[in-house]
Amino acid sequence: MTPLEPLADALHQGLPGWKITLLDYAMLTCPEGERLARHDADAWLAALERALPDDAWLCGWSLGGMLASALAARRGERAPGLITLAANACFVARRGWPAAMAAETFAAFRLSFERAPARTLERFARLVAQGGEPHRAGSARLARELAAAGAQTPPDQALAGLSLLETLDLRETLGQLSAAQLHLFAADDALVPGGACQAVADCLPASGRAERIAAAGHAFPRERASETAARMVAFITSHRLEHADVGPAMSALVDTPRLARQRRIASGFSRAASSYDAAAGLQREVADTLLARLPTECCPAAVLDIGCGTGYVTAALARRYGTTTLGLDLASGMLATARASHPELAIRWLAGAAERLPLAAGSVDLIASSLALQWCDSLAAALDEARRVLRPGGHLAFTTLCDGSLHEWQGAWRAVDDGAHVNRFLSEETLAATLARPGWRWCRHEVTTRRCWYPDLAAARQALKAIGANTVVAATSSSAHALRGLTGRQRLARLEAAFEEYRRPAGIPISYRVATVVMQR
């Protein structure tokens, strides 16, 4: 088994239908078919160019990540995305880049390898395994596996790889790439200093991301393959969702209006990620009600939070059950905030939609979702998908909004124009009919009214924007549009006057008709 096979297997599960090509250095050859052992980067990049298909996402570990970065620059628009794992921009320290291995240390290591390759490889494998596996026996076993895998690389090719590690400098390259970029680092890496994560982040364009995995060593792609794959899948899926460009040839295969709506929703919530928690008082109250309604007899082996946002419900599920916990959301910004907010919990964060879950059938025992399913094009489709991934006897518990939600907001806007400034919500009758779909053992639901109070229009608008609820998605592509900014004092004055008509002693309300549902498959 090569070191990255567990990661490739996990990626196959997270990206069904994708072709995952796993390359080892020993598989690279020159044009003449001879084994690649040259010391110049161009020869290695040419070999990778021949081995990998166009328009592929490029991912690499350690030196492989550095080569993937250089290949992404070489391919330009033919490389939609780049993910590196424990890969520095400069492996060896140099002027302006101290977050790397000291040049003297590297030179001594290379000399040792030239004199005693096998013994040096064993030492190198121990460094790769260091920092992750907490038990000495596990770390030693991992080191032996890595040394055995490394022994498959001929010494002359390994020396050529060392030359590349010493000479590659990707600082400018990373800053100029047009490809989407995710760079994952290990907090306890014995080969790539912890400071490299921030140093690489400083090189990236605004859209690039660099993240550090706590309590992990250089071998985290092997040792923590499932978590690494989950991060990679979340990044790839969210990027494709938010930046998808569907050409005419694909129009018959892809629901373009639906994709556009999902992209708009994802972008709106990503923008709100940093302000969401401070403004989400009602959302937390609804979530707490949902958590209190979870079946007491439920002892799940795996739980899923759909529309996890910043991870409030996901974290509560992880703490309550102490089992495999997945948080899924459309918005990459929400997922990034959730991941940063709960580093102490072993949660897998996934990008995806409720109507097309990136999970195998019968893979979870409990699904929770708070105030997310109202964003679906079809609640019925979301319920069918939840039923698919639930094991028999599993539970689905969710909250959603019904018709009558935000009616004060829509009523005030009617005095200004006849546009759709509030999303359409299901009537209670339609909700009840949808919940009666076959395939569920039982279903209980209730609908209550909750209100948020505001001193004036400005406060209400800011609150809606802060939680991402100002994104409006109409039912059809012909009428879909986002909430437009106010233009002119007259429009603002008319909206303000109409909103004031709802004032009560406590302030001006915005109402929510909240349905709480619990079902068993």
Foldseek 3Di string as FASTA:
>chain_A
DALQPLLVVLLCLLDPPDDDDDDDQQPFAAPVRHRDLDQDLVRVLVSVVVVDDWLDAQEAAALSLLNSLVNLLVRAVRHQAGEYAAYFLAQEDDVPRRQHHDPVVLVVLLVVCVVPVLVSLLVVLLLQLPQADPDPVVSNVSSVVNSVNVVVDDSSNVSSSSSCNHPRHCLQSQQPGPHEEEYEYECRESRGHNCRQVVSVVSHDPRYHGYYAYRHYSSCCRVVSNQVSLVVQQSVQLCCLQPPDDDPVCVVPDVVLQSVLLNLLQVLLLVLLVLAVVLCPVLVVQLVVLVVPPDPVDQKQEEEEEQCFLNPNQVVVCVVRVHATEYEHNHPSRQVNNCVVCSVTPYRYHYDHLLDDSHAFQAIQEYEYEADCQSDLDNLSSVVSVLRNHHAFGKYKYKYFAPPFQVLLVQLCVLQDDADQAEHGHHPVVVVVSVPDPDFPDKDKDKDKDKDFDAFDVRVVVSCSNNSNRAYQYNDSVRGDGDDDDDDPVSVVSSRVSQCVQADPRHGIGMTTMMIMMTTD
